């Protein structure tokens, strides 16, 4: 999956029912989108939120949390 921001439209979220997932950007910021689950188990779009994770910061995504990450393009300088 290529999650670099080319088209900022969010068309899908994912979740993991049995495991946590750690996310720590190393070279560029990540835009992270999260949502709670509905009673039926799908994403509750009324709870949708997005936030920025800077390099060196991290989050641990709990099981059942709907999420999607976009990696901002890294601009290298020489």
Protein backbone atom coordinates (compact mmCIF):
# COMPACT_ATOMS: atom_id res chain seq x y z
CA UNK A 1 0.00 0.00 0.00
CA UNK A 2 1.35 3.42 -0.92
CA UNK A 3 0.23 5.92 1.72
CA UNK A 4 2.21 8.94 0.52
CA UNK A 5 -0.05 11.96 0.12
CA UNK A 6 -0.78 12.36 -3.57
CA UNK A 7 -4.55 12.50 -3.32
CA UNK A 8 -5.67 13.47 0.20
CA UNK A 9 -9.08 11.81 -0.28
CA UNK A 10 -9.70 9.08 2.30
CA UNK A 11 -11.52 6.18 0.65
CA UNK A 12 -10.87 3.40 3.16
CA UNK A 13 -10.02 2.79 6.81
CA UNK A 14 -8.62 -0.38 8.35
CA UNK A 15 -8.70 -1.94 11.78
CA UNK A 16 -7.09 -4.85 13.57
CA UNK A 17 -9.33 -6.72 15.99
CA UNK A 18 -6.68 -8.74 17.83
CA UNK A 19 -3.49 -6.68 17.80
CA UNK A 20 -2.17 -3.23 18.57
CA UNK A 21 -0.18 -1.32 15.97
CA UNK A 22 2.63 1.12 16.72
CA UNK A 23 3.36 4.03 14.39
CA UNK A 24 6.54 6.12 14.71
CA UNK A 25 7.47 8.30 11.73
CA UNK A 26 11.21 8.60 11.25
CA UNK A 27 11.82 11.00 8.35
CA UNK A 28 8.61 12.94 7.73
CA UNK A 29 5.32 13.80 9.33
CA UNK A 30 2.35 11.46 9.17
CA UNK A 31 -1.28 12.52 9.03
CA UNK A 32 -3.19 9.92 11.03
CA UNK A 33 -6.96 9.46 10.77
CA UNK A 34 -8.93 7.52 13.40
CA UNK A 35 -12.55 6.60 14.11
CA UNK A 36 -14.41 4.53 16.68
CA UNK A 37 -16.46 1.47 15.73
CA UNK A 38 -20.23 1.37 15.41
CA UNK A 39 -22.27 -1.26 17.25
CA UNK A 40 -22.29 -3.23 13.98
CA UNK A 41 -18.47 -3.12 13.80
CA UNK A 42 -17.95 -0.63 10.97
CA UNK A 43 -16.29 2.78 11.28
CA UNK A 44 -18.40 5.48 12.97
CA UNK A 45 -17.73 8.43 10.68
CA UNK A 46 -19.25 10.87 13.20
CA UNK A 47 -16.18 10.21 15.40
CA UNK A 48 -13.63 10.67 12.60
CA UNK A 49 -10.60 12.75 13.63
CA UNK A 50 -7.22 13.49 12.08
CA UNK A 51 -3.95 14.60 13.66
CA UNK A 52 -0.32 15.09 12.75
CA UNK A 53 2.49 12.91 14.10
CA UNK A 54 5.93 14.51 13.81
CA UNK A 55 9.11 12.46 13.30
CA UNK A 56 10.23 10.87 16.56
CA UNK A 57 6.75 10.97 18.10
CA UNK A 58 4.64 7.84 18.12
CA UNK A 59 1.23 6.39 18.77
CA UNK A 60 -0.05 2.95 19.67
CA UNK A 61 -3.33 2.13 17.94
CA UNK A 62 -5.56 -0.08 20.05
CA UNK A 63 -7.35 -3.14 18.64
CA UNK A 64 -10.64 -2.21 16.98
CA UNK A 65 -9.67 1.40 16.21
CA UNK A 66 -10.40 2.30 12.60
CA UNK A 67 -7.44 4.17 11.14
CA UNK A 68 -5.50 5.31 8.10
CA UNK A 69 -2.14 7.05 7.80
CA UNK A 70 -0.76 9.30 5.09
CA UNK A 71 2.95 10.01 4.88
CA UNK A 72 3.82 13.55 3.86
CA UNK A 73 6.40 13.80 1.10
CA UNK A 74 9.92 14.10 2.42
CA UNK A 75 11.94 16.99 1.01
CA UNK A 76 15.63 16.15 1.13
CA UNK A 77 18.29 18.82 1.19
CA UNK A 78 21.90 18.25 0.20
